[in-house]
Amino acid sequence: MHEGIIFDIKRYAIHDGPGIRTTVFFKKCPLSCWWCHNPEGISPLKELMYFEYKCLHCKSCKYVCPVKAISFDEGVQKINREACNGCGICSEACPTGALRLVGKSITVEELINEIEKDILLYDASGGGVTFSGGEPLSQPSFLIEVLKECKKRYLHTALDTSGYAQKDIFESVIDYIDIFLFDLKLYDEEEHIKYTGVSNKLIKDNLMLLVEKGRGKDVILRFPVITGITDTDKNIDGLVSFVASLKGISEIDILPFHDISEKYHRLGKNYKMPTSKAPSEERLRYIKERFEKIGLYVKIGG
């Protein structure tokens, strides 16, 4: 039985594809975008999130940790994340939920049972299940087995993806996906490497593969607008030109940046973003108009 690792299941989702949906968040992502809104999905490992405002400083976590990864220095909790093995014993002992283990191992059968709980909502709204992350394609064997079970039940499926995967992996899931929510971030390869950690060549190739297979009509592009990084004239020009060449694609979501630095603090991760400034309404309108001019239906927000 295939087993995967997820970090959340969001029910009643209305921004992750048509209708009311269940969104399953996979752990592990090959990208490390500076502005990532789900940093808890980057690592393939189970991790601790620490909600400092909930902490009673009772030290229950320290006393039960089997690897001595938790200490207190003048009343301030410290987690040795290199030593932490993700066992979750401390989070179970925490009386207030100040510690939460992010990441859960789950079998295909267990996940399908969770998804099936919402079938009546799908039927009533034209919804279905969306696989997000992290990057679902980073757990390809688990993903494809879940998708096969979904199709046996005639469930509508959406893949929220960076598009970063080897061609054979990407091709293996195409026939099981109804809608692709496909991220486009930066047109220039060097800038893509700088801000996400990887080249965008595979991403462009996989998007063009969908178009070549006649699946452009099933793609909703997603463009994160990050002030000073993705919203530059150079990047907008490059993306508009590239998208205009992709036959069949007719829709894009413009996703304004929101500061989620607190999430990084809770995970003990470094937050690289130099600004917390959201894009202006004027800039969002300009970007919207640029994509509308090449015939796309543009929505601001997911």
C-alpha atoms as a PDB file:
ATOM      1  CA  MET A   1       0.000   0.000   0.000  1.00  0.00           C
ATOM      2  CA  HIS A   2       1.414   3.359  -1.036  1.00  0.00           C
ATOM      3  CA  GLU A   3       1.902   5.861   1.756  1.00  0.00           C
ATOM      4  CA  GLY A   4       2.474   9.603   1.492  1.00  0.00           C
ATOM      5  CA  ILE A   5       2.921  12.552   3.805  1.00  0.00           C
ATOM      6  CA  ILE A   6       0.543  15.505   3.923  1.00  0.00           C
ATOM      7  CA  PHE A   7       0.359  18.544   6.189  1.00  0.00           C
ATOM      8  CA  ASP A   8      -3.272  19.619   5.900  1.00  0.00           C
ATOM      9  CA  ILE A   9      -6.691  18.867   4.471  1.00  0.00           C
ATOM     10  CA  LYS A  10      -8.808  21.972   3.865  1.00  0.00           C
ATOM     11  CA  ARG A  11     -12.517  21.398   3.461  1.00  0.00           C
ATOM     12  CA  TYR A  12     -15.072  23.750   1.855  1.00  0.00           C
ATOM     13  CA  ALA A  13     -12.317  25.321  -0.287  1.00  0.00           C
ATOM     14  CA  ILE A  14     -13.707  27.708  -2.919  1.00  0.00           C
ATOM     15  CA  HIS A  15     -10.525  29.146  -4.446  1.00  0.00           C
ATOM     16  CA  ASP A  16      -8.799  25.941  -5.563  1.00  0.00           C
ATOM     17  CA  GLY A  17     -10.828  25.089  -8.640  1.00  0.00           C
ATOM     18  CA  PRO A  18     -14.535  24.957  -9.536  1.00  0.00           C
ATOM     19  CA  GLY A  19     -17.218  24.403  -6.930  1.00  0.00           C
ATOM     20  CA  ILE A  20     -16.697  23.457  -3.303  1.00  0.00           C
ATOM     21  CA  ARG A  21     -13.547  21.412  -2.933  1.00  0.00           C
ATOM     22  CA  THR A  22     -11.396  19.443  -0.550  1.00  0.00           C
ATOM     23  CA  THR A  23      -7.792  20.566  -0.843  1.00  0.00           C
ATOM     24  CA  VAL A  24      -5.075  18.128   0.204  1.00  0.00           C
ATOM     25  CA  PHE A  25      -1.685  19.653   0.946  1.00  0.00           C
ATOM     26  CA  PHE A  26       1.305  17.422   0.187  1.00  0.00           C
ATOM     27  CA  LYS A  27       4.620  17.858   1.950  1.00  0.00           C
ATOM     28  CA  LYS A  28       7.880  18.311  -0.003  1.00  0.00           C
ATOM     29  CA  CYS A  29       8.676  20.879  -2.685  1.00  0.00           C
ATOM     30  CA  PRO A  30      11.779  21.255  -4.896  1.00  0.00           C
ATOM     31  CA  LEU A  31      11.311  25.038  -4.947  1.00  0.00           C
ATOM     32  CA  SER A  32      12.166  27.380  -2.103  1.00  0.00           C
ATOM     33  CA  CYS A  33      10.410  30.588  -3.183  1.00  0.00           C
ATOM     34  CA  TRP A  34      11.297  33.572  -1.033  1.00  0.00           C
ATOM     35  CA  TRP A  35       7.610  34.413  -0.593  1.00  0.00           C
ATOM     36  CA  CYS A  36       6.238  30.872  -0.179  1.00  0.00           C
ATOM     37  CA  HIS A  37       2.883  30.996   1.628  1.00  0.00           C
ATOM     38  CA  ASN A  38       3.154  27.369   2.743  1.00  0.00           C
ATOM     39  CA  PRO A  39       6.729  27.042   4.086  1.00  0.00           C
ATOM     40  CA  GLU A  40       5.581  24.072   6.155  1.00  0.00           C
ATOM     41  CA  GLY A  41       5.190  22.223   2.847  1.00  0.00           C
ATOM     42  CA  ILE A  42       8.776  22.615   1.629  1.00  0.00           C
ATOM     43  CA  SER A  43      10.527  19.967   3.723  1.00  0.00           C
ATOM     44  CA  PRO A  44       9.594  16.299   3.213  1.00  0.00           C
ATOM     45  CA  LEU A  45       9.981  15.762   6.961  1.00  0.00           C
ATOM     46  CA  LYS A  46       7.572  16.249   9.826  1.00  0.00           C
ATOM     47  CA  GLU A  47       8.269  19.567  11.577  1.00  0.00           C
ATOM     48  CA  LEU A  48       7.278  21.435  14.714  1.00  0.00           C
ATOM     49  CA  MET A  49       5.448  24.736  14.595  1.00  0.00           C
ATOM     50  CA  TYR A  50       5.698  26.809  17.770  1.00  0.00           C
ATOM     51  CA  PHE A  51       2.892  29.249  18.590  1.00  0.00           C
ATOM     52  CA  GLU A  52       4.621  31.390  21.183  1.00  0.00           C
ATOM     53  CA  TYR A  53       1.488  33.273  22.255  1.00  0.00           C
ATOM     54  CA  LYS A  54      -0.107  29.988  23.369  1.00  0.00           C
ATOM     55  CA  CYS A  55       2.867  28.830  25.453  1.00  0.00           C
ATOM     56  CA  LEU A  56       2.417  28.568  29.238  1.00  0.00           C
ATOM     57  CA  HIS A  57       6.138  27.840  29.748  1.00  0.00           C
ATOM     58  CA  CYS A  58       5.141  24.769  31.740  1.00  0.00           C
ATOM     59  CA  LYS A  59       8.097  22.867  30.215  1.00  0.00           C
ATOM     60  CA  SER A  60       6.043  19.710  29.652  1.00  0.00           C
ATOM     61  CA  CYS A  61       7.550  19.514  26.164  1.00  0.00           C
ATOM     62  CA  LYS A  62      11.093  19.653  27.510  1.00  0.00           C
ATOM     63  CA  TYR A  63      10.517  16.838  29.983  1.00  0.00           C
ATOM     64  CA  VAL A  64       8.981  14.400  27.468  1.00  0.00           C
ATOM     65  CA  CYS A  65      11.260  15.034  24.467  1.00  0.00           C
ATOM     66  CA  PRO A  66      13.194  11.760  23.951  1.00  0.00           C
ATOM     67  CA  VAL A  67      16.081  13.438  22.094  1.00  0.00           C
ATOM     68  CA  LYS A  68      16.398  16.497  24.354  1.00  0.00           C
ATOM     69  CA  ALA A  69      15.686  18.872  21.447  1.00  0.00           C
ATOM     70  CA  ILE A  70      13.738  21.375  23.575  1.00  0.00           C
ATOM     71  CA  SER A  71      15.194  23.701  26.184  1.00  0.00           C
ATOM     72  CA  PHE A  72      14.264  26.916  27.976  1.00  0.00           C
ATOM     73  CA  ASP A  73      16.612  29.853  28.368  1.00  0.00           C
ATOM     74  CA  GLU A  74      15.357  32.504  30.796  1.00  0.00           C
ATOM     75  CA  GLY A  75      11.812  31.397  30.127  1.00  0.00           C
ATOM     76  CA  VAL A  76      12.197  31.391  26.335  1.00  0.00           C
ATOM     77  CA  GLN A  77      11.615  28.077  24.592  1.00  0.00           C
ATOM     78  CA  LYS A  78      14.273  26.921  22.141  1.00  0.00           C
ATOM     79  CA  ILE A  79      13.984  24.034  19.693  1.00  0.00           C
ATOM     80  CA  ASN A  80      17.079  22.311  18.343  1.00  0.00           C
ATOM     81  CA  ARG A  81      15.570  21.526  14.969  1.00  0.00           C
ATOM     82  CA  GLU A  82      18.563  19.499  13.811  1.00  0.00           C
ATOM     83  CA  ALA A  83      18.102  17.170  16.769  1.00  0.00           C
ATOM     84  CA  CYS A  84      14.297  16.998  16.493  1.00  0.00           C
ATOM     85  CA  ASN A  85      13.154  13.723  14.904  1.00  0.00           C
ATOM     86  CA  GLY A  86       9.526  14.759  14.374  1.00  0.00           C
ATOM     87  CA  CYS A  87       8.102  12.154  16.748  1.00  0.00           C
ATOM     88  CA  GLY A  88       5.400  14.550  17.970  1.00  0.00           C
ATOM     89  CA  ILE A  89       5.528  13.460  21.615  1.00  0.00           C
ATOM     90  CA  CYS A  90       6.044  17.057  22.751  1.00  0.00           C
ATOM     91  CA  SER A  91       3.027  18.332  20.803  1.00  0.00           C
ATOM     92  CA  GLU A  92       0.860  15.629  22.378  1.00  0.00           C
ATOM     93  CA  ALA A  93       2.045  16.690  25.833  1.00  0.00           C
ATOM     94  CA  CYS A  94       1.493  20.421  25.236  1.00  0.00           C
ATOM     95  CA  PRO A  95      -1.703  21.440  27.087  1.00  0.00           C
ATOM     96  CA  THR A  96      -2.462  24.512  24.944  1.00  0.00           C
ATOM     97  CA  GLY A  97      -1.447  23.478  21.423  1.00  0.00           C
ATOM     98  CA  ALA A  98       1.545  25.821  21.429  1.00  0.00           C
ATOM     99  CA  LEU A  99       3.466  23.041  19.694  1.00  0.00           C
ATOM    100  CA  ARG A 100       1.979  21.467  16.595  1.00  0.00           C
ATOM    101  CA  LEU A 101       3.495  18.702  14.522  1.00  0.00           C
ATOM    102  CA  VAL A 102       3.206  19.518  10.820  1.00  0.00           C
ATOM    103  CA  GLY A 103       3.142  16.431   8.641  1.00  0.00           C
ATOM    104  CA  LYS A 104       1.181  13.218   8.772  1.00  0.00           C
ATOM    105  CA  SER A 105       1.834   9.872   7.129  1.00  0.00           C
ATOM    106  CA  ILE A 106      -1.269   8.591   5.370  1.00  0.00           C
ATOM    107  CA  THR A 107      -2.144   5.670   3.112  1.00  0.00           C
ATOM    108  CA  VAL A 108      -4.051   5.927  -0.146  1.00  0.00           C
ATOM    109  CA  GLU A 109      -7.063   4.256   1.463  1.00  0.00           C
ATOM    110  CA  GLU A 110      -7.034   6.618   4.453  1.00  0.00           C
ATOM    111  CA  LEU A 111      -6.830   9.701   2.242  1.00  0.00           C
ATOM    112  CA  ILE A 112      -9.613   8.511  -0.049  1.00  0.00           C
ATOM    113  CA  ASN A 113     -11.798   7.919   3.026  1.00  0.00           C
ATOM    114  CA  GLU A 114     -11.220  11.564   4.033  1.00  0.00           C
ATOM    115  CA  ILE A 115     -11.984  12.832   0.533  1.00  0.00           C
ATOM    116  CA  GLU A 116     -15.178  10.776   0.289  1.00  0.00           C
ATOM    117  CA  LYS A 117     -16.614  12.533   3.340  1.00  0.00           C
ATOM    118  CA  ASP A 118     -17.302  15.549   1.122  1.00  0.00           C
ATOM    119  CA  ILE A 119     -18.805  13.819  -1.911  1.00  0.00           C
ATOM    120  CA  LEU A 120     -22.262  15.348  -1.339  1.00  0.00           C
ATOM    121  CA  LEU A 121     -20.690  18.821  -1.469  1.00  0.00           C
ATOM    122  CA  TYR A 122     -19.009  17.993  -4.781  1.00  0.00           C
ATOM    123  CA  ASP A 123     -22.256  16.720  -6.244  1.00  0.00           C
ATOM    124  CA  ALA A 124     -24.176  19.822  -5.201  1.00  0.00           C
ATOM    125  CA  SER A 125     -21.589  22.397  -6.306  1.00  0.00           C
ATOM    126  CA  GLY A 126     -19.702  20.827  -9.210  1.00  0.00           C
ATOM    127  CA  GLY A 127     -16.632  20.624  -7.003  1.00  0.00           C
ATOM    128  CA  GLY A 128     -14.065  17.966  -6.302  1.00  0.00           C
ATOM    129  CA  VAL A 129     -10.636  17.404  -4.820  1.00  0.00           C
ATOM    130  CA  THR A 130      -7.529  19.570  -5.322  1.00  0.00           C
ATOM    131  CA  PHE A 131      -3.997  18.392  -4.662  1.00  0.00           C
ATOM    132  CA  SER A 132      -1.703  21.170  -3.520  1.00  0.00           C
ATOM    133  CA  GLY A 133       1.340  21.581  -1.354  1.00  0.00           C
ATOM    134  CA  GLY A 134       4.257  21.778  -1.254  1.00  0.00           C
ATOM    135  CA  GLU A 135       4.423  20.129  -4.633  1.00  0.00           C
ATOM    136  CA  PRO A 136       2.239  17.025  -5.128  1.00  0.00           C
ATOM    137  CA  LEU A 137       4.437  15.894  -8.037  1.00  0.00           C
ATOM    138  CA  SER A 138       7.275  15.431  -5.530  1.00  0.00           C
ATOM    139  CA  GLN A 139       5.401  12.348  -4.269  1.00  0.00           C
ATOM    140  CA  PRO A 140       4.519  10.913  -7.695  1.00  0.00           C
ATOM    141  CA  SER A 141       3.826   7.283  -6.794  1.00  0.00           C
ATOM    142  CA  PHE A 142       1.486   8.239  -3.971  1.00  0.00           C
ATOM    143  CA  LEU A 143      -0.200  10.962  -6.010  1.00  0.00           C
ATOM    144  CA  ILE A 144      -0.962   8.770  -9.008  1.00  0.00           C
ATOM    145  CA  GLU A 145      -2.453   6.008  -6.849  1.00  0.00           C
ATOM    146  CA  VAL A 146      -4.716   8.535  -5.128  1.00  0.00           C
ATOM    147  CA  LEU A 147      -5.706  10.000  -8.498  1.00  0.00           C
ATOM    148  CA  LYS A 148      -6.598   6.557  -9.851  1.00  0.00           C
ATOM    149  CA  GLU A 149      -8.863   5.939  -6.863  1.00  0.00           C
ATOM    150  CA  CYS A 150     -10.481   9.351  -7.368  1.00  0.00           C
ATOM    151  CA  LYS A 151     -11.235   8.536 -10.998  1.00  0.00           C
ATOM    152  CA  LYS A 152     -12.779   5.201 -10.015  1.00  0.00           C
ATOM    153  CA  ARG A 153     -15.244   7.315  -8.031  1.00  0.00           C
ATOM    154  CA  TYR A 154     -15.737   9.836 -10.872  1.00  0.00           C
ATOM    155  CA  LEU A 155     -14.377  12.672  -8.733  1.00  0.00           C
ATOM    156  CA  HIS A 156     -13.299  15.942 -10.360  1.00  0.00           C
ATOM    157  CA  THR A 157      -9.570  16.444  -9.770  1.00  0.00           C
ATOM    158  CA  ALA A 158      -7.370  19.541  -9.797  1.00  0.00           C
ATOM    159  CA  LEU A 159      -3.603  19.784  -9.477  1.00  0.00           C
ATOM    160  CA  ASP A 160      -2.174  22.953  -7.937  1.00  0.00           C
ATOM    161  CA  THR A 161       1.422  22.753  -9.155  1.00  0.00           C
ATOM    162  CA  SER A 162       4.632  24.648  -9.740  1.00  0.00           C
ATOM    163  CA  GLY A 163       5.014  22.528 -12.874  1.00  0.00           C
ATOM    164  CA  TYR A 164       8.488  21.494 -11.742  1.00  0.00           C
ATOM    165  CA  ALA A 165       8.822  17.762 -12.405  1.00  0.00           C
ATOM    166  CA  GLN A 166      10.574  15.476 -14.824  1.00  0.00           C
ATOM    167  CA  LYS A 167       8.634  14.979 -18.059  1.00  0.00           C
ATOM    168  CA  ASP A 168       7.853  11.307 -17.429  1.00  0.00           C
ATOM    169  CA  ILE A 169       6.416  12.105 -13.993  1.00  0.00           C
ATOM    170  CA  PHE A 170       4.347  14.976 -15.344  1.00  0.00           C
ATOM    171  CA  GLU A 171       3.029  12.865 -18.238  1.00  0.00           C
ATOM    172  CA  SER A 172       2.067  10.039 -15.887  1.00  0.00           C
ATOM    173  CA  VAL A 173      -0.583  12.152 -14.129  1.00  0.00           C
ATOM    174  CA  ILE A 174      -1.990  14.195 -17.018  1.00  0.00           C
ATOM    175  CA  ASP A 175      -4.832  11.841 -17.900  1.00  0.00           C
ATOM    176  CA  TYR A 176      -6.038  11.757 -14.283  1.00  0.00           C
ATOM    177  CA  ILE A 177      -6.248  15.541 -13.855  1.00  0.00           C
ATOM    178  CA  ASP A 178      -9.274  17.598 -14.919  1.00  0.00           C
ATOM    179  CA  ILE A 179      -7.932  21.075 -14.088  1.00  0.00           C
ATOM    180  CA  PHE A 180      -4.339  22.288 -13.756  1.00  0.00           C
ATOM    181  CA  LEU A 181      -3.738  25.288 -11.490  1.00  0.00           C
ATOM    182  CA  PHE A 182      -0.322  26.070 -12.924  1.00  0.00           C
ATOM    183  CA  ASP A 183       2.060  28.596 -11.339  1.00  0.00           C
ATOM    184  CA  LEU A 184       4.032  31.027 -13.482  1.00  0.00           C
ATOM    185  CA  LYS A 185       6.386  33.191 -11.451  1.00  0.00           C
ATOM    186  CA  LEU A 186       9.401  34.499 -13.342  1.00  0.00           C
ATOM    187  CA  TYR A 187      10.160  34.411 -17.060  1.00  0.00           C
ATOM    188  CA  ASP A 188      13.934  34.924 -16.813  1.00  0.00           C
ATOM    189  CA  GLU A 189      15.765  31.718 -15.889  1.00  0.00           C
ATOM    190  CA  GLU A 190      18.492  33.369 -13.795  1.00  0.00           C
ATOM    191  CA  GLU A 191      15.951  35.311 -11.760  1.00  0.00           C
ATOM    192  CA  HIS A 192      13.878  32.150 -11.339  1.00  0.00           C
ATOM    193  CA  ILE A 193      16.916  30.363  -9.939  1.00  0.00           C
ATOM    194  CA  LYS A 194      17.696  33.290  -7.622  1.00  0.00           C
ATOM    195  CA  TYR A 195      14.230  33.571  -6.118  1.00  0.00           C
ATOM    196  CA  THR A 196      13.010  29.939  -6.211  1.00  0.00           C
ATOM    197  CA  GLY A 197      16.191  27.882  -6.168  1.00  0.00           C
ATOM    198  CA  VAL A 198      15.524  26.063  -9.450  1.00  0.00           C
ATOM    199  CA  SER A 199      15.509  26.684 -13.205  1.00  0.00           C
ATOM    200  CA  ASN A 200      12.180  27.343 -14.924  1.00  0.00           C
ATOM    201  CA  LYS A 201      13.005  25.217 -17.983  1.00  0.00           C
ATOM    202  CA  LEU A 202      11.085  22.141 -16.794  1.00  0.00           C
ATOM    203  CA  ILE A 203       8.168  24.364 -15.826  1.00  0.00           C
ATOM    204  CA  LYS A 204       7.939  25.955 -19.263  1.00  0.00           C
ATOM    205  CA  ASP A 205       8.410  22.583 -20.980  1.00  0.00           C
ATOM    206  CA  ASN A 206       5.601  20.957 -18.988  1.00  0.00           C
ATOM    207  CA  LEU A 207       3.241  23.845 -19.638  1.00  0.00           C
ATOM    208  CA  MET A 208       3.979  23.643 -23.358  1.00  0.00           C
ATOM    209  CA  LEU A 209       3.428  19.874 -23.165  1.00  0.00           C
ATOM    210  CA  LEU A 210      -0.101  20.447 -21.876  1.00  0.00           C
ATOM    211  CA  VAL A 211      -0.753  22.814 -24.777  1.00  0.00           C
ATOM    212  CA  GLU A 212       0.640  20.315 -27.295  1.00  0.00           C
ATOM    213  CA  LYS A 213      -1.667  17.633 -25.904  1.00  0.00           C
ATOM    214  CA  GLY A 214      -4.675  19.899 -26.354  1.00  0.00           C
ATOM    215  CA  ARG A 215      -5.085  20.483 -22.624  1.00  0.00           C
ATOM    216  CA  GLY A 216      -4.551  24.247 -22.665  1.00  0.00           C
ATOM    217  CA  LYS A 217      -8.271  24.737 -22.099  1.00  0.00           C
ATOM    218  CA  ASP A 218      -7.890  22.870 -18.788  1.00  0.00           C
ATOM    219  CA  VAL A 219      -5.165  25.170 -17.443  1.00  0.00           C
ATOM    220  CA  ILE A 220      -5.679  28.103 -15.092  1.00  0.00           C
ATOM    221  CA  LEU A 221      -2.423  29.994 -14.756  1.00  0.00           C
ATOM    222  CA  ARG A 222      -1.528  31.450 -11.376  1.00  0.00           C
ATOM    223  CA  PHE A 223       0.748  34.448 -11.133  1.00  0.00           C
ATOM    224  CA  PRO A 224       1.977  35.584  -7.689  1.00  0.00           C
ATOM    225  CA  VAL A 225       2.518  39.347  -7.725  1.00  0.00           C
ATOM    226  CA  ILE A 226       5.547  40.032  -5.535  1.00  0.00           C
ATOM    227  CA  THR A 227       6.553  43.678  -5.218  1.00  0.00           C
ATOM    228  CA  GLY A 228       9.952  44.331  -6.749  1.00  0.00           C
ATOM    229  CA  ILE A 229      10.428  40.715  -7.863  1.00  0.00           C
ATOM    230  CA  THR A 230       7.683  39.366 -10.126  1.00  0.00           C
ATOM    231  CA  ASP A 231       5.832  42.629 -10.825  1.00  0.00           C
ATOM    232  CA  THR A 232       8.668  44.301 -12.777  1.00  0.00           C
ATOM    233  CA  ASP A 233       8.037  45.529 -16.322  1.00  0.00           C
ATOM    234  CA  LYS A 234      10.688  43.124 -17.602  1.00  0.00           C
ATOM    235  CA  ASN A 235       9.007  40.117 -16.041  1.00  0.00           C
ATOM    236  CA  ILE A 236       5.499  41.136 -17.066  1.00  0.00           C
ATOM    237  CA  ASP A 237       6.665  41.668 -20.661  1.00  0.00           C
ATOM    238  CA  GLY A 238       8.325  38.242 -20.748  1.00  0.00           C
ATOM    239  CA  LEU A 239       5.381  36.372 -19.250  1.00  0.00           C
ATOM    240  CA  VAL A 240       2.797  38.112 -21.429  1.00  0.00           C
ATOM    241  CA  SER A 241       4.794  37.251 -24.558  1.00  0.00           C
ATOM    242  CA  PHE A 242       5.237  33.625 -23.447  1.00  0.00           C
ATOM    243  CA  VAL A 243       1.594  33.098 -22.486  1.00  0.00           C
ATOM    244  CA  ALA A 244       0.405  34.669 -25.754  1.00  0.00           C
ATOM    245  CA  SER A 245       2.193  31.852 -27.596  1.00  0.00           C
ATOM    246  CA  LEU A 246       0.340  29.114 -25.692  1.00  0.00           C
ATOM    247  CA  LYS A 247      -2.754  28.113 -27.635  1.00  0.00           C
ATOM    248  CA  GLY A 248      -5.847  27.186 -25.669  1.00  0.00           C
ATOM    249  CA  ILE A 249      -4.923  28.809 -22.369  1.00  0.00           C
ATOM    250  CA  SER A 250      -7.500  31.455 -21.611  1.00  0.00           C
ATOM    251  CA  GLU A 251      -7.485  32.117 -17.869  1.00  0.00           C
ATOM    252  CA  ILE A 252      -5.092  33.452 -15.236  1.00  0.00           C
ATOM    253  CA  ASP A 253      -5.399  34.219 -11.533  1.00  0.00           C
ATOM    254  CA  ILE A 254      -3.351  37.147 -10.234  1.00  0.00           C
ATOM    255  CA  LEU A 255      -2.370  36.455  -6.630  1.00  0.00           C
ATOM    256  CA  PRO A 256      -1.258  39.492  -4.598  1.00  0.00           C
ATOM    257  CA  PHE A 257       1.555  38.963  -2.100  1.00  0.00           C
ATOM    258  CA  HIS A 258       0.669  38.819   1.594  1.00  0.00           C
ATOM    259  CA  ASP A 259       3.209  38.911   4.404  1.00  0.00           C
ATOM    260  CA  ILE A 260       3.255  35.570   6.207  1.00  0.00           C
ATOM    261  CA  SER A 261       6.612  35.992   7.979  1.00  0.00           C
ATOM    262  CA  GLU A 262       5.056  34.756  11.232  1.00  0.00           C
ATOM    263  CA  LYS A 263       4.777  31.264   9.730  1.00  0.00           C
ATOM    264  CA  TYR A 264       8.526  31.191   9.169  1.00  0.00           C
ATOM    265  CA  HIS A 265       9.140  32.308  12.738  1.00  0.00           C
ATOM    266  CA  ARG A 266       6.957  29.482  14.026  1.00  0.00           C
ATOM    267  CA  LEU A 267       8.964  26.981  11.977  1.00  0.00           C
ATOM    268  CA  GLY A 268      12.348  28.441  12.909  1.00  0.00           C
ATOM    269  CA  LYS A 269      13.016  29.223   9.245  1.00  0.00           C
ATOM    270  CA  ASN A 270      14.721  32.230   7.719  1.00  0.00           C
ATOM    271  CA  TYR A 271      12.366  34.598   5.886  1.00  0.00           C
ATOM    272  CA  LYS A 272      14.167  36.059   2.881  1.00  0.00           C
ATOM    273  CA  MET A 273      11.613  38.598   1.706  1.00  0.00           C
ATOM    274  CA  PRO A 274      13.088  42.116   1.895  1.00  0.00           C
ATOM    275  CA  THR A 275       9.648  43.736   2.116  1.00  0.00           C
ATOM    276  CA  SER A 276       6.212  43.080   3.546  1.00  0.00           C
ATOM    277  CA  LYS A 277       4.618  45.520   1.127  1.00  0.00           C
ATOM    278  CA  ALA A 278       1.631  44.268  -0.855  1.00  0.00           C
ATOM    279  CA  PRO A 279       1.292  45.337  -4.513  1.00  0.00           C
ATOM    280  CA  SER A 280      -0.700  48.503  -5.111  1.00  0.00           C
ATOM    281  CA  GLU A 281      -4.188  48.414  -6.614  1.00  0.00           C
ATOM    282  CA  GLU A 282      -2.814  50.436  -9.513  1.00  0.00           C
ATOM    283  CA  ARG A 283      -0.114  47.853 -10.239  1.00  0.00           C
ATOM    284  CA  LEU A 284      -2.590  44.986 -10.031  1.00  0.00           C
ATOM    285  CA  ARG A 285      -4.895  46.742 -12.514  1.00  0.00           C
ATOM    286  CA  TYR A 286      -1.985  47.306 -14.887  1.00  0.00           C
ATOM    287  CA  ILE A 287      -0.998  43.626 -14.793  1.00  0.00           C
ATOM    288  CA  LYS A 288      -4.629  42.587 -15.230  1.00  0.00           C
ATOM    289  CA  GLU A 289      -4.960  44.795 -18.312  1.00  0.00           C
ATOM    290  CA  ARG A 290      -1.741  43.421 -19.824  1.00  0.00           C
ATOM    291  CA  PHE A 291      -3.045  39.857 -19.690  1.00  0.00           C
ATOM    292  CA  GLU A 292      -6.522  40.877 -20.822  1.00  0.00           C
ATOM    293  CA  LYS A 293      -5.013  42.409 -23.944  1.00  0.00           C
ATOM    294  CA  ILE A 294      -3.832  38.966 -25.084  1.00  0.00           C
ATOM    295  CA  GLY A 295      -7.319  37.546 -24.599  1.00  0.00           C
ATOM    296  CA  LEU A 296      -7.140  36.004 -21.138  1.00  0.00           C
ATOM    297  CA  TYR A 297      -9.882  36.053 -18.536  1.00  0.00           C
ATOM    298  CA  VAL A 298      -8.165  37.551 -15.501  1.00  0.00           C
ATOM    299  CA  LYS A 299      -9.192  37.223 -11.887  1.00  0.00           C
ATOM    300  CA  ILE A 300      -7.456  38.961  -9.010  1.00  0.00           C
ATOM    301  CA  GLY A 301      -7.209  36.489  -6.155  1.00  0.00           C
ATOM    302  CA  GLY A 302      -7.440  32.704  -6.229  1.00  0.00           C
END
